[in-house]
Amino acid sequence: MQEFPDSNGMAYTVTENRSGPPLNYVGEKIRKNIEATHSLYNNIMRFVPKDLPVSPHYKDTAPATIKFDTLATDVHYALHNSIVAFLALYNMLGTAKSDYVSDIASRSRDDLKKWLDLIEREGSVNGVNG
């Protein structure tokens, strides 16, 4: 029988027994968060002006740019964490490439849904042997 590499790559794994909400339900919520965060990120990139003015009250303490140094960066980080959680839940961390978040962020809504469907179809919330 052919031996396949661990779908989690070098990620930390542990065997656990648990009682709680079904993991498919957790996956559904993480997926919805990824879709919403992806939409928010793309809306920021399309509709927020690069030179969004800073309130005079915050002028001295504001970051260099509101769009990139605050909004886009924070949403990109939230998207990153949601994707890592989704991949970990479905035991697919080993599929992540070095710049996967930027790649996923730049996809169309339909392409994002196809990618999420692929992870759900090919992965498993029951573990690598589940």
Protein backbone atom coordinates (compact mmCIF):
# COMPACT_ATOMS: atom_id res chain seq x y z
CA MET A 1 0.00 0.00 0.00
CA GLN A 2 1.31 3.47 -0.94
CA GLU A 3 2.26 5.71 1.98
CA PHE A 4 1.02 9.30 1.66
CA PRO A 5 2.61 12.26 3.45
CA ASP A 6 0.82 13.67 6.48
CA SER A 7 -1.71 16.24 5.25
CA ASN A 8 -0.73 18.49 8.16
CA GLY A 9 2.93 18.62 7.17
CA MET A 10 5.12 19.64 10.08
CA ALA A 11 2.21 21.02 12.12
CA TYR A 12 1.78 20.04 15.74
CA THR A 13 -0.76 17.24 16.18
CA VAL A 14 -2.23 15.50 19.21
CA THR A 15 -4.89 12.84 19.68
CA GLU A 16 -7.83 14.13 21.73
CA ASN A 17 -11.20 12.96 22.95
CA ARG A 18 -13.75 15.75 23.11
CA SER A 19 -17.36 16.56 23.77
CA GLY A 20 -18.89 19.70 22.33
CA PRO A 21 -20.41 21.17 19.20
CA PRO A 22 -19.85 18.99 16.13
CA LEU A 23 -16.63 19.86 14.35
CA ASN A 24 -18.48 20.19 11.03
CA TYR A 25 -20.49 22.99 12.68
CA VAL A 26 -17.25 24.65 13.81
CA GLY A 27 -15.93 24.30 10.26
CA GLU A 28 -19.07 25.91 8.87
CA LYS A 29 -18.62 28.92 11.17
CA ILE A 30 -14.93 29.28 10.28
CA ARG A 31 -15.84 29.04 6.59
CA LYS A 32 -18.45 31.82 6.93
CA ASN A 33 -15.83 33.94 8.71
CA ILE A 34 -13.34 33.37 5.88
CA GLU A 35 -15.95 34.34 3.29
CA ALA A 36 -16.92 37.50 5.20
CA THR A 37 -13.32 38.50 5.90
CA HIS A 38 -12.38 37.86 2.26
CA SER A 39 -15.24 40.11 1.16
CA LEU A 40 -14.26 42.83 3.64
CA TYR A 41 -10.61 42.72 2.54
CA ASN A 42 -11.55 43.01 -1.13
CA ASN A 43 -13.99 45.84 -0.41
CA ILE A 44 -11.25 47.72 1.44
CA MET A 45 -8.85 47.23 -1.44
CA ARG A 46 -11.43 48.32 -4.05
CA PHE A 47 -13.35 51.10 -2.33
CA VAL A 48 -11.24 52.71 0.38
CA PRO A 49 -9.11 55.51 -1.05
CA LYS A 50 -5.34 55.19 -0.64
CA ASP A 51 -5.20 58.64 0.91
CA LEU A 52 -8.09 58.21 3.35
CA PRO A 53 -7.84 61.27 5.62
CA VAL A 54 -7.09 60.85 9.30
CA SER A 55 -9.15 62.67 11.87
CA PRO A 56 -7.20 65.72 13.11
CA HIS A 57 -7.56 64.38 16.64
CA TYR A 58 -5.40 61.33 15.71
CA LYS A 59 -3.05 63.02 13.22
CA ASP A 60 0.05 62.73 15.44
CA THR A 61 -0.46 59.07 16.40
CA ALA A 62 -2.04 57.67 13.24
CA PRO A 63 -0.19 55.12 11.11
CA ALA A 64 1.33 56.16 7.80
CA THR A 65 -1.79 55.16 5.87
CA ILE A 66 -5.19 54.18 7.18
CA LYS A 67 -5.99 51.88 4.25
CA PHE A 68 -2.83 49.76 4.25
CA ASP A 69 -1.28 50.14 7.70
CA THR A 70 -4.50 49.71 9.63
CA LEU A 71 -7.51 48.40 7.74
CA ALA A 72 -6.00 46.07 5.13
CA THR A 73 -3.26 44.78 7.43
CA ASP A 74 -5.64 43.90 10.26
CA VAL A 75 -8.17 42.25 7.96
CA HIS A 76 -5.39 40.34 6.15
CA TYR A 77 -4.20 39.05 9.55
CA ALA A 78 -7.73 38.02 10.51
CA LEU A 79 -8.08 36.20 7.17
CA HIS A 80 -4.73 34.48 7.78
CA ASN A 81 -5.82 33.21 11.21
CA SER A 82 -9.19 32.02 9.91
CA ILE A 83 -7.55 30.13 7.05
CA VAL A 84 -5.03 28.50 9.40
CA ALA A 85 -7.87 27.44 11.73
CA PHE A 86 -9.89 26.07 8.79
CA LEU A 87 -6.94 24.13 7.38
CA ALA A 88 -6.05 22.80 10.84
CA LEU A 89 -9.63 21.74 11.54
CA TYR A 90 -9.76 19.81 8.27
CA ASN A 91 -6.22 18.41 8.77
CA MET A 92 -4.93 20.15 5.65
CA LEU A 93 -2.23 22.48 7.04
CA GLY A 94 0.37 20.79 4.86
CA THR A 95 -1.34 22.20 1.76
CA ALA A 96 -0.55 25.82 2.70
CA LYS A 97 2.01 27.51 0.47
CA SER A 98 4.27 30.33 1.67
CA ASP A 99 2.05 33.15 0.33
CA TYR A 100 -1.29 31.36 0.46
CA VAL A 101 -3.18 34.14 2.27
CA SER A 102 -2.42 36.75 -0.40
CA ASP A 103 -3.29 34.18 -3.07
CA ILE A 104 -6.62 33.38 -1.43
CA ALA A 105 -7.37 37.06 -0.70
CA SER A 106 -6.95 37.91 -4.38
CA ARG A 107 -9.34 35.20 -5.59
CA SER A 108 -12.87 35.89 -6.76
CA ARG A 109 -15.72 34.93 -4.45
CA ASP A 110 -16.49 31.91 -6.67
CA ASP A 111 -12.86 30.75 -6.67
CA LEU A 112 -12.73 31.14 -2.88
CA LYS A 113 -15.83 28.97 -2.53
CA LYS A 114 -14.29 26.33 -4.80
CA TRP A 115 -11.14 26.32 -2.66
CA LEU A 116 -13.16 26.02 0.57
CA ASP A 117 -15.23 23.20 -0.96
CA LEU A 118 -12.01 21.40 -1.93
CA ILE A 119 -10.64 21.62 1.63
CA GLU A 120 -13.93 20.32 3.07
CA ARG A 121 -14.09 17.51 0.50
CA GLU A 122 -10.45 16.39 0.70
CA GLY A 123 -9.89 17.05 4.41
CA SER A 124 -11.45 15.53 7.50
CA VAL A 125 -12.55 16.98 10.84
CA ASN A 126 -12.14 13.47 12.28
CA GLY A 127 -8.35 13.46 12.06
CA VAL A 128 -5.78 12.30 9.57
CA ASN A 129 -6.87 8.69 10.00
CA GLY A 130 -10.59 9.52 10.34
